Amino acid sequence: RELVEYYQQHLDDYAIPGAVKWQQIVISRTGPGGKQAAAEKLDQVVEQLRRHVDFGEVARRHSDGATAADGGDWGDWMQAGSLADKEIERSLFELPVGVISKVFERDDSYQLVKVAARKEPSRVQFADVQVEIQKDLEKEDRVKSITKVLDDLRSDAVVWTKFDDEPQQQPKEDDMPLP
């Protein structure tokens, strides 16, 4: 019972945040042809995606982003709070898996994202941390016991030194500091 109570009181310690794997298409608005060329390229990209051309293939062919060669795939799992662009991050955690986002228009680019996979927030199961909790509680009990013994010693102990019974010597005039 004590272990379960501890687990319930420390649920945040056992939280596993949600995460996504995602892909991105970036169309630069600052390259050759400027905004007009970027808008035309965006129209091509959107049309291909409407025709269900693979997102990764479209990214390889048209994206100007850092992950274009990898089909726009950002690789590892990304947790909330990791992305500088909070609007795109919010979209990644709200979009269903496989759904392509709206076009995000930024000062220097157009961007589209797609969630490839998602891990919902969860929690480490009690059974998986039961032994760890038992060790933590035993450690807490040892610390409490040691603290009590030390407190008792401090309150009851009498400490003296060999100098406690010697008369105090007055400093010699030669040892006195000058004003």
N, C-alpha and C. Protein backbone atom coordinates (compact mmCIF):
# COMPACT_ATOMS: atom_id res chain seq x y z
N ARG A 1 0.81 -1.20 0.00
CA ARG A 1 0.00 0.00 0.00
C ARG A 1 0.86 1.26 0.00
N GLU A 2 1.93 1.24 0.78
CA GLU A 2 2.81 2.39 0.88
C GLU A 2 3.47 2.70 -0.47
N LEU A 3 3.81 1.66 -1.21
CA LEU A 3 4.44 1.85 -2.52
C LEU A 3 3.47 2.50 -3.50
N VAL A 4 2.22 2.05 -3.49
CA VAL A 4 1.21 2.62 -4.39
C VAL A 4 0.95 4.07 -4.03
N GLU A 5 0.88 4.38 -2.74
CA GLU A 5 0.67 5.77 -2.31
C GLU A 5 1.82 6.66 -2.80
N TYR A 6 3.04 6.17 -2.66
CA TYR A 6 4.21 6.92 -3.12
C TYR A 6 4.10 7.17 -4.63
N TYR A 7 3.77 6.13 -5.38
CA TYR A 7 3.61 6.24 -6.83
C TYR A 7 2.55 7.30 -7.17
N GLN A 8 1.42 7.25 -6.50
CA GLN A 8 0.34 8.21 -6.76
C GLN A 8 0.76 9.64 -6.43
N GLN A 9 1.55 9.82 -5.38
CA GLN A 9 2.00 11.15 -4.99
C GLN A 9 3.08 11.70 -5.91
N HIS A 10 3.72 10.84 -6.70
CA HIS A 10 4.82 11.26 -7.57
C HIS A 10 4.54 10.94 -9.04
N LEU A 11 3.29 11.02 -9.45
CA LEU A 11 2.92 10.67 -10.83
C LEU A 11 3.70 11.48 -11.87
N ASP A 12 3.96 12.75 -11.57
CA ASP A 12 4.70 13.58 -12.53
C ASP A 12 6.11 13.04 -12.78
N ASP A 13 6.69 12.39 -11.78
CA ASP A 13 8.03 11.82 -11.94
C ASP A 13 8.04 10.66 -12.93
N TYR A 14 6.89 10.07 -13.17
CA TYR A 14 6.81 8.90 -14.03
C TYR A 14 6.13 9.22 -15.37
N ALA A 15 5.95 10.51 -15.65
CA ALA A 15 5.31 10.92 -16.90
C ALA A 15 6.26 10.72 -18.07
N ILE A 16 5.71 10.28 -19.18
CA ILE A 16 6.44 10.15 -20.44
C ILE A 16 5.75 11.10 -21.41
N PRO A 17 6.46 12.15 -21.84
CA PRO A 17 5.80 13.14 -22.72
C PRO A 17 5.49 12.55 -24.09
N GLY A 18 4.48 13.12 -24.72
CA GLY A 18 4.16 12.73 -26.09
C GLY A 18 5.27 13.17 -27.03
N ALA A 19 5.33 12.54 -28.19
CA ALA A 19 6.36 12.87 -29.16
C ALA A 19 5.84 12.57 -30.56
N VAL A 20 6.45 13.21 -31.55
CA VAL A 20 6.08 12.97 -32.95
C VAL A 20 7.33 12.77 -33.80
N LYS A 21 7.15 12.00 -34.86
CA LYS A 21 8.12 11.96 -35.95
C LYS A 21 7.43 12.70 -37.08
N TRP A 22 8.19 13.52 -37.79
CA TRP A 22 7.53 14.38 -38.76
C TRP A 22 8.41 14.66 -39.97
N GLN A 23 7.71 15.16 -41.01
CA GLN A 23 8.36 15.54 -42.26
C GLN A 23 8.00 16.98 -42.57
N GLN A 24 8.86 17.61 -43.38
CA GLN A 24 8.65 19.03 -43.69
C GLN A 24 9.07 19.32 -45.12
N ILE A 25 8.29 20.17 -45.75
CA ILE A 25 8.66 20.73 -47.05
C ILE A 25 8.81 22.23 -46.84
N VAL A 26 9.97 22.75 -47.24
CA VAL A 26 10.26 24.18 -47.11
C VAL A 26 10.49 24.72 -48.52
N ILE A 27 9.78 25.78 -48.86
CA ILE A 27 9.98 26.44 -50.15
C ILE A 27 10.45 27.86 -49.86
N SER A 28 11.70 28.11 -50.21
CA SER A 28 12.32 29.40 -49.92
C SER A 28 11.69 30.50 -50.76
N ARG A 29 11.43 31.63 -50.12
CA ARG A 29 10.89 32.81 -50.82
C ARG A 29 12.00 33.81 -51.14
N THR A 30 13.24 33.46 -50.78
CA THR A 30 14.34 34.39 -50.98
C THR A 30 15.31 33.93 -52.06
N GLY A 31 15.04 32.79 -52.69
CA GLY A 31 15.93 32.27 -53.72
C GLY A 31 15.69 32.95 -55.06
N PRO A 32 16.27 32.36 -56.13
CA PRO A 32 16.09 32.91 -57.48
C PRO A 32 14.60 33.00 -57.83
N GLY A 33 14.20 34.12 -58.37
CA GLY A 33 12.79 34.32 -58.73
C GLY A 33 11.96 34.89 -57.60
N GLY A 34 12.51 34.87 -56.38
CA GLY A 34 11.85 35.48 -55.23
C GLY A 34 10.50 34.89 -54.88
N LYS A 35 9.62 35.75 -54.40
CA LYS A 35 8.31 35.33 -53.90
C LYS A 35 7.43 34.75 -55.00
N GLN A 36 7.53 35.30 -56.21
CA GLN A 36 6.70 34.82 -57.33
C GLN A 36 7.06 33.38 -57.68
N ALA A 37 8.35 33.09 -57.81
CA ALA A 37 8.79 31.72 -58.12
C ALA A 37 8.42 30.76 -56.99
N ALA A 38 8.54 31.23 -55.76
CA ALA A 38 8.18 30.40 -54.61
C ALA A 38 6.69 30.07 -54.62
N ALA A 39 5.85 31.05 -54.94
CA ALA A 39 4.40 30.82 -54.99
C ALA A 39 4.05 29.80 -56.07
N GLU A 40 4.72 29.89 -57.21
CA GLU A 40 4.46 28.92 -58.29
C GLU A 40 4.90 27.52 -57.88
N LYS A 41 6.06 27.43 -57.24
CA LYS A 41 6.56 26.14 -56.76
C LYS A 41 5.62 25.56 -55.71
N LEU A 42 5.10 26.42 -54.84
CA LEU A 42 4.15 25.99 -53.82
C LEU A 42 2.90 25.41 -54.47
N ASP A 43 2.39 26.06 -55.53
CA ASP A 43 1.22 25.54 -56.23
C ASP A 43 1.49 24.14 -56.78
N GLN A 44 2.68 23.93 -57.34
CA GLN A 44 3.05 22.60 -57.86
C GLN A 44 3.07 21.57 -56.73
N VAL A 45 3.67 21.93 -55.63
CA VAL A 45 3.76 21.03 -54.49
C VAL A 45 2.38 20.65 -53.99
N VAL A 46 1.53 21.64 -53.79
CA VAL A 46 0.18 21.40 -53.28
C VAL A 46 -0.59 20.51 -54.25
N GLU A 47 -0.47 20.76 -55.54
CA GLU A 47 -1.16 19.94 -56.55
C GLU A 47 -0.68 18.49 -56.49
N GLN A 48 0.60 18.28 -56.38
CA GLN A 48 1.13 16.92 -56.30
C GLN A 48 0.64 16.21 -55.03
N LEU A 49 0.61 16.93 -53.94
CA LEU A 49 0.13 16.32 -52.70
C LEU A 49 -1.36 16.01 -52.77
N ARG A 50 -2.13 16.84 -53.46
CA ARG A 50 -3.58 16.57 -53.66
C ARG A 50 -3.78 15.30 -54.50
N ARG A 51 -2.83 15.04 -55.41
CA ARG A 51 -2.90 13.84 -56.24
C ARG A 51 -2.30 12.63 -55.52
N HIS A 52 -2.00 12.79 -54.24
CA HIS A 52 -1.48 11.72 -53.37
C HIS A 52 -0.09 11.24 -53.76
N VAL A 53 0.72 12.12 -54.36
CA VAL A 53 2.12 11.81 -54.56
C VAL A 53 2.75 11.76 -53.16
N ASP A 54 3.63 10.80 -52.94
CA ASP A 54 4.25 10.60 -51.63
C ASP A 54 4.91 11.89 -51.13
N PHE A 55 4.61 12.26 -49.89
CA PHE A 55 5.14 13.47 -49.28
C PHE A 55 6.67 13.49 -49.34
N GLY A 56 7.29 12.37 -49.01
CA GLY A 56 8.74 12.29 -49.03
C GLY A 56 9.32 12.53 -50.42
N GLU A 57 8.65 11.99 -51.43
CA GLU A 57 9.11 12.19 -52.81
C GLU A 57 8.98 13.66 -53.21
N VAL A 58 7.88 14.28 -52.85
CA VAL A 58 7.68 15.71 -53.15
C VAL A 58 8.74 16.53 -52.43
N ALA A 59 9.04 16.19 -51.20
CA ALA A 59 10.07 16.91 -50.45
C ALA A 59 11.43 16.77 -51.11
N ARG A 60 11.77 15.54 -51.53
CA ARG A 60 13.06 15.33 -52.20
C ARG A 60 13.18 16.18 -53.47
N ARG A 61 12.09 16.29 -54.22
CA ARG A 61 12.12 17.02 -55.50
C ARG A 61 12.03 18.53 -55.33
N HIS A 62 11.28 19.01 -54.36
CA HIS A 62 10.95 20.44 -54.32
C HIS A 62 11.37 21.21 -53.07
N SER A 63 11.66 20.52 -51.98
CA SER A 63 11.96 21.24 -50.73
C SER A 63 13.33 21.89 -50.77
N ASP A 64 13.41 23.06 -50.15
CA ASP A 64 14.68 23.76 -49.97
C ASP A 64 15.18 23.59 -48.54
N GLY A 65 14.49 22.77 -47.77
CA GLY A 65 14.83 22.60 -46.36
C GLY A 65 16.03 21.70 -46.13
N ALA A 66 16.52 21.73 -44.91
CA ALA A 66 17.71 20.97 -44.51
C ALA A 66 17.51 19.46 -44.63
N THR A 67 16.27 18.99 -44.59
CA THR A 67 16.00 17.55 -44.63
C THR A 67 15.47 17.09 -45.98
N ALA A 68 15.57 17.91 -47.00
CA ALA A 68 15.02 17.57 -48.33
C ALA A 68 15.54 16.24 -48.85
N ALA A 69 16.83 16.00 -48.73
CA ALA A 69 17.43 14.76 -49.24
C ALA A 69 16.88 13.52 -48.54
N ASP A 70 16.38 13.70 -47.32
CA ASP A 70 15.80 12.60 -46.55
C ASP A 70 14.28 12.57 -46.67
N GLY A 71 13.74 13.18 -47.70
CA GLY A 71 12.29 13.21 -47.88
C GLY A 71 11.59 14.10 -46.87
N GLY A 72 12.32 15.08 -46.34
CA GLY A 72 11.74 15.99 -45.35
C GLY A 72 11.67 15.40 -43.95
N ASP A 73 12.19 14.19 -43.77
CA ASP A 73 12.09 13.47 -42.50
C ASP A 73 13.07 14.03 -41.48
N TRP A 74 12.55 14.44 -40.33
CA TRP A 74 13.39 14.99 -39.26
C TRP A 74 13.97 13.90 -38.37
N GLY A 75 13.73 12.64 -38.70
CA GLY A 75 14.40 11.54 -37.99
C GLY A 75 13.82 11.22 -36.64
N ASP A 76 14.55 11.55 -35.59
CA ASP A 76 14.19 11.16 -34.23
C ASP A 76 12.85 11.72 -33.76
N TRP A 77 12.39 11.18 -32.65
CA TRP A 77 11.17 11.66 -32.02
C TRP A 77 11.39 13.06 -31.47
N MET A 78 10.41 13.93 -31.66
CA MET A 78 10.48 15.29 -31.15
C MET A 78 9.41 15.46 -30.07
N GLN A 79 9.81 15.96 -28.91
CA GLN A 79 8.87 16.22 -27.84
C GLN A 79 8.41 17.67 -27.91
N ALA A 80 7.27 17.93 -27.32
CA ALA A 80 6.74 19.29 -27.25
C ALA A 80 7.77 20.19 -26.56
N GLY A 81 7.89 21.42 -27.07
CA GLY A 81 8.82 22.38 -26.50
C GLY A 81 10.17 22.37 -27.20
N SER A 82 10.33 21.54 -28.21
CA SER A 82 11.62 21.41 -28.89
C SER A 82 11.77 22.31 -30.11
N LEU A 83 10.67 22.76 -30.66
CA LEU A 83 10.71 23.49 -31.92
C LEU A 83 10.57 24.99 -31.67
N ALA A 84 11.37 25.78 -32.35
CA ALA A 84 11.33 27.23 -32.17
C ALA A 84 10.01 27.81 -32.69
N ASP A 85 9.50 27.29 -33.79
CA ASP A 85 8.25 27.79 -34.37
C ASP A 85 7.07 27.12 -33.65
N LYS A 86 6.50 27.83 -32.70
CA LYS A 86 5.45 27.26 -31.84
C LYS A 86 4.16 26.95 -32.61
N GLU A 87 3.85 27.70 -33.66
CA GLU A 87 2.65 27.42 -34.44
C GLU A 87 2.78 26.09 -35.17
N ILE A 88 3.93 25.86 -35.77
CA ILE A 88 4.15 24.59 -36.45
C ILE A 88 4.18 23.45 -35.43
N GLU A 89 4.84 23.67 -34.30
CA GLU A 89 4.88 22.64 -33.27
C GLU A 89 3.48 22.27 -32.79
N ARG A 90 2.66 23.27 -32.54
CA ARG A 90 1.28 23.01 -32.09
C ARG A 90 0.54 22.18 -33.13
N SER A 91 0.74 22.52 -34.39
CA SER A 91 0.11 21.77 -35.48
C SER A 91 0.55 20.31 -35.46
N LEU A 92 1.84 20.08 -35.24
CA LEU A 92 2.36 18.71 -35.23
C LEU A 92 1.73 17.87 -34.12
N PHE A 93 1.41 18.50 -33.01
CA PHE A 93 0.83 17.75 -31.90
C PHE A 93 -0.70 17.69 -31.97
N GLU A 94 -1.30 18.41 -32.92
CA GLU A 94 -2.75 18.37 -33.10
C GLU A 94 -3.18 17.57 -34.33
N LEU A 95 -2.37 17.59 -35.38
CA LEU A 95 -2.73 16.90 -36.62
C LEU A 95 -2.79 15.39 -36.42
N PRO A 96 -3.75 14.73 -37.06
CA PRO A 96 -3.73 13.26 -37.06
C PRO A 96 -2.53 12.75 -37.86
N VAL A 97 -2.06 11.58 -37.54
CA VAL A 97 -0.95 10.97 -38.26
C VAL A 97 -1.33 10.84 -39.73
N GLY A 98 -0.40 11.24 -40.61
CA GLY A 98 -0.61 11.10 -42.04
C GLY A 98 -1.28 12.28 -42.71
N VAL A 99 -1.79 13.23 -41.94
CA VAL A 99 -2.48 14.40 -42.49
C VAL A 99 -1.46 15.51 -42.70
N ILE A 100 -1.57 16.18 -43.84
CA ILE A 100 -0.66 17.27 -44.18
C ILE A 100 -1.25 18.58 -43.65
N SER A 101 -0.39 19.41 -43.12
CA SER A 101 -0.83 20.68 -42.52
C SER A 101 -1.25 21.67 -43.58
N LYS A 102 -1.79 22.77 -43.10
CA LYS A 102 -2.01 23.94 -43.95
C LYS A 102 -0.64 24.49 -44.35
N VAL A 103 -0.62 25.43 -45.26
CA VAL A 103 0.63 26.10 -45.63
C VAL A 103 0.94 27.14 -44.57
N PHE A 104 2.14 27.06 -44.02
CA PHE A 104 2.60 28.08 -43.07
C PHE A 104 3.44 29.07 -43.86
N GLU A 105 3.01 30.31 -43.87
CA GLU A 105 3.73 31.36 -44.59
C GLU A 105 4.62 32.11 -43.62
N ARG A 106 5.92 32.06 -43.86
CA ARG A 106 6.88 32.76 -43.04
C ARG A 106 7.54 33.84 -43.88
N ASP A 107 8.29 34.73 -43.26
CA ASP A 107 8.94 35.83 -43.99
C ASP A 107 9.82 35.30 -45.12
N ASP A 108 10.50 34.20 -44.86
CA ASP A 108 11.48 33.71 -45.84
C ASP A 108 11.07 32.42 -46.55
N SER A 109 9.91 31.84 -46.19
CA SER A 109 9.56 30.55 -46.78
C SER A 109 8.07 30.23 -46.63
N TYR A 110 7.67 29.20 -47.40
CA TYR A 110 6.40 28.52 -47.20
C TYR A 110 6.77 27.16 -46.62
N GLN A 111 5.96 26.67 -45.69
CA GLN A 111 6.26 25.37 -45.10
C GLN A 111 5.00 24.53 -44.97
N LEU A 112 5.18 23.24 -45.21
CA LEU A 112 4.14 22.24 -44.98
C LEU A 112 4.75 21.15 -44.12
N VAL A 113 3.98 20.61 -43.21
CA VAL A 113 4.47 19.53 -42.36
C VAL A 113 3.46 18.38 -42.36
N LYS A 114 3.97 17.21 -42.02
CA LYS A 114 3.14 16.02 -41.94
C LYS A 114 3.64 15.18 -40.76
N VAL A 115 2.72 14.70 -39.94
CA VAL A 115 3.08 13.83 -38.82
C VAL A 115 3.19 12.41 -39.36
N ALA A 116 4.38 11.83 -39.23
CA ALA A 116 4.60 10.47 -39.72
C ALA A 116 4.23 9.43 -38.65
N ALA A 117 4.44 9.76 -37.38
CA ALA A 117 4.12 8.84 -36.28
C ALA A 117 3.96 9.65 -35.01
N ARG A 118 3.24 9.09 -34.06
CA ARG A 118 2.98 9.81 -32.81
C ARG A 118 3.03 8.83 -31.64
N LYS A 119 3.59 9.31 -30.55
CA LYS A 119 3.52 8.62 -29.26
C LYS A 119 2.72 9.53 -28.35
N GLU A 120 1.61 9.05 -27.87
CA GLU A 120 0.78 9.84 -26.96
C GLU A 120 1.47 9.93 -25.59
N PRO A 121 1.22 11.01 -24.86
CA PRO A 121 1.78 11.09 -23.50
C PRO A 121 1.32 9.88 -22.69
N SER A 122 2.20 9.38 -21.87
CA SER A 122 1.85 8.23 -21.04
C SER A 122 2.60 8.31 -19.72
N ARG A 123 2.63 7.20 -19.03
CA ARG A 123 3.27 7.17 -17.72
C ARG A 123 3.93 5.80 -17.56
N VAL A 124 5.07 5.77 -16.90
CA VAL A 124 5.72 4.50 -16.58
C VAL A 124 4.77 3.74 -15.66
N GLN A 125 4.54 2.48 -15.95
CA GLN A 125 3.61 1.69 -15.15
C GLN A 125 4.18 1.38 -13.77
N PHE A 126 3.30 1.29 -12.80
CA PHE A 126 3.70 1.02 -11.42
C PHE A 126 4.57 -0.23 -11.32
N ALA A 127 4.19 -1.28 -12.00
CA ALA A 127 4.93 -2.55 -11.93
C ALA A 127 6.38 -2.37 -12.38
N ASP A 128 6.61 -1.43 -13.29
CA ASP A 128 7.96 -1.22 -13.81
C ASP A 128 8.85 -0.42 -12.86
N VAL A 129 8.26 0.26 -11.88
CA VAL A 129 9.05 1.09 -10.95
C VAL A 129 8.88 0.66 -9.49
N GLN A 130 8.18 -0.42 -9.28
CA GLN A 130 7.89 -0.87 -7.92
C GLN A 130 9.18 -1.11 -7.12
N VAL A 131 10.16 -1.78 -7.71
CA VAL A 131 11.41 -2.08 -7.01
C VAL A 131 12.16 -0.78 -6.72
N GLU A 132 12.18 0.13 -7.68
CA GLU A 132 12.84 1.43 -7.50
C GLU A 132 12.18 2.22 -6.36
N ILE A 133 10.86 2.21 -6.32
CA ILE A 133 10.14 2.91 -5.24
C ILE A 133 10.49 2.30 -3.89
N GLN A 134 10.54 0.98 -3.83
CA GLN A 134 10.89 0.30 -2.58
C GLN A 134 12.26 0.75 -2.10
N LYS A 135 13.23 0.83 -3.01
CA LYS A 135 14.58 1.27 -2.65
C LYS A 135 14.57 2.72 -2.18
N ASP A 136 13.79 3.58 -2.86
CA ASP A 136 13.70 4.99 -2.47
C ASP A 136 13.12 5.14 -1.07
N LEU A 137 12.08 4.37 -0.77
CA LEU A 137 11.46 4.44 0.56
C LEU A 137 12.42 3.93 1.63
N GLU A 138 13.15 2.86 1.34
CA GLU A 138 14.13 2.35 2.30
C GLU A 138 15.23 3.39 2.54
N LYS A 139 15.67 4.05 1.50
CA LYS A 139 16.69 5.08 1.63
C LYS A 139 16.16 6.24 2.49
N GLU A 140 14.91 6.66 2.24
CA GLU A 140 14.31 7.73 3.05
C GLU A 140 14.28 7.34 4.52
N ASP A 141 13.90 6.08 4.81
CA ASP A 141 13.85 5.61 6.20
C ASP A 141 15.23 5.63 6.84
N ARG A 142 16.28 5.21 6.09
CA ARG A 142 17.64 5.24 6.62
C ARG A 142 18.07 6.66 6.94
N VAL A 143 17.79 7.58 6.03
CA VAL A 143 18.17 8.99 6.24
C VAL A 143 17.45 9.54 7.46
N LYS A 144 16.17 9.23 7.61
CA LYS A 144 15.42 9.71 8.78
C LYS A 144 16.01 9.15 10.08
N SER A 145 16.36 7.85 10.06
CA SER A 145 16.94 7.22 11.26
C SER A 145 18.28 7.84 11.61
N ILE A 146 19.14 8.02 10.62
CA ILE A 146 20.45 8.62 10.85
C ILE A 146 20.30 10.06 11.37
N THR A 147 19.39 10.81 10.77
CA THR A 147 19.16 12.19 11.19
C THR A 147 18.68 12.23 12.64
N LYS A 148 17.79 11.31 13.01
CA LYS A 148 17.29 11.28 14.39
C LYS A 148 18.40 10.96 15.38
N VAL A 149 19.24 9.98 15.04
CA VAL A 149 20.35 9.62 15.92
C VAL A 149 21.30 10.82 16.09
N LEU A 150 21.62 11.48 14.99
CA LEU A 150 22.51 12.63 15.06
C LEU A 150 21.89 13.78 15.86
N ASP A 151 20.61 14.03 15.65
CA ASP A 151 19.92 15.08 16.42
C ASP A 151 19.93 14.76 17.91
N ASP A 152 19.68 13.48 18.25
CA ASP A 152 19.70 13.07 19.65
C ASP A 152 21.09 13.25 20.25
N LEU A 153 22.11 12.86 19.50
CA LEU A 153 23.48 13.02 19.97
C LEU A 153 23.81 14.49 20.21
N ARG A 154 23.41 15.33 19.28
CA ARG A 154 23.71 16.75 19.42
C ARG A 154 23.01 17.37 20.62
N SER A 155 21.80 16.92 20.88
CA SER A 155 21.06 17.52 21.99
C SER A 155 21.53 16.99 23.35
N ASP A 156 22.04 15.76 23.42
CA ASP A 156 22.43 15.17 24.70
C ASP A 156 23.93 15.20 24.96
N ALA A 157 24.72 15.37 23.95
CA ALA A 157 26.17 15.25 24.12
C ALA A 157 26.77 16.50 24.77
N VAL A 158 27.81 16.25 25.55
CA VAL A 158 28.59 17.32 26.14
C VAL A 158 29.97 17.23 25.50
N VAL A 159 30.41 18.32 24.95
CA VAL A 159 31.70 18.33 24.26
C VAL A 159 32.62 19.29 24.98
N TRP A 160 33.84 18.86 25.28
CA TRP A 160 34.85 19.72 25.87
C TRP A 160 36.19 19.36 25.26
N THR A 161 37.12 20.25 25.44
CA THR A 161 38.47 20.03 24.92
C THR A 161 39.45 20.05 26.07
N LYS A 162 40.67 19.70 25.79
CA LYS A 162 41.70 19.71 26.86
C LYS A 162 42.00 21.13 27.33
N PHE A 163 41.58 22.11 26.55
CA PHE A 163 41.85 23.51 26.91
C PHE A 163 40.76 24.12 27.79
N ASP A 164 39.65 23.41 27.97
CA ASP A 164 38.55 23.98 28.72
C ASP A 164 38.88 24.24 30.18
N ASP A 165 39.82 23.49 30.81
CA ASP A 165 40.13 23.66 32.22
C ASP A 165 41.35 24.53 32.45
N GLU A 166 42.10 24.91 31.43
CA GLU A 166 43.29 25.73 31.60
C GLU A 166 42.91 27.19 31.75
N PRO A 167 43.66 27.91 32.57
CA PRO A 167 43.37 29.35 32.71
C PRO A 167 43.73 30.09 31.42
N GLN A 168 42.97 31.08 31.16
CA GLN A 168 43.25 31.87 29.96
C GLN A 168 44.47 32.73 30.19
N GLN A 169 45.34 32.78 29.20
CA GLN A 169 46.54 33.58 29.32
C GLN A 169 46.29 34.94 28.72
N GLN A 170 46.87 35.93 29.37
CA GLN A 170 46.79 37.28 28.86
C GLN A 170 47.90 37.45 27.83
N PRO A 171 47.64 38.13 26.72
CA PRO A 171 48.69 38.33 25.74
C PRO A 171 49.79 39.22 26.30
N LYS A 172 51.01 38.92 25.90
CA LYS A 172 52.15 39.73 26.32
C LYS A 172 52.11 41.04 25.57
N GLU A 173 52.76 42.04 26.18
CA GLU A 173 52.75 43.36 25.56
C GLU A 173 53.40 43.34 24.18
N ASP A 174 54.40 42.46 23.98
CA ASP A 174 55.09 42.36 22.68
C ASP A 174 54.17 41.76 21.60
N ASP A 175 53.18 40.96 22.03
CA ASP A 175 52.27 40.31 21.10
C ASP A 175 51.09 41.19 20.74
N MET A 176 50.96 42.34 21.38
CA MET A 176 49.81 43.21 21.16
C MET A 176 49.94 43.89 19.80
N PRO A 177 48.86 43.95 19.03
CA PRO A 177 48.91 44.65 17.74
C PRO A 177 49.06 46.16 17.95
N LEU A 178 49.76 46.79 17.07
CA LEU A 178 49.95 48.23 17.15
C LEU A 178 48.71 48.94 16.66
N PRO A 179 48.39 50.11 17.23
CA PRO A 179 47.18 50.83 16.79
C PRO A 179 47.38 51.47 15.44
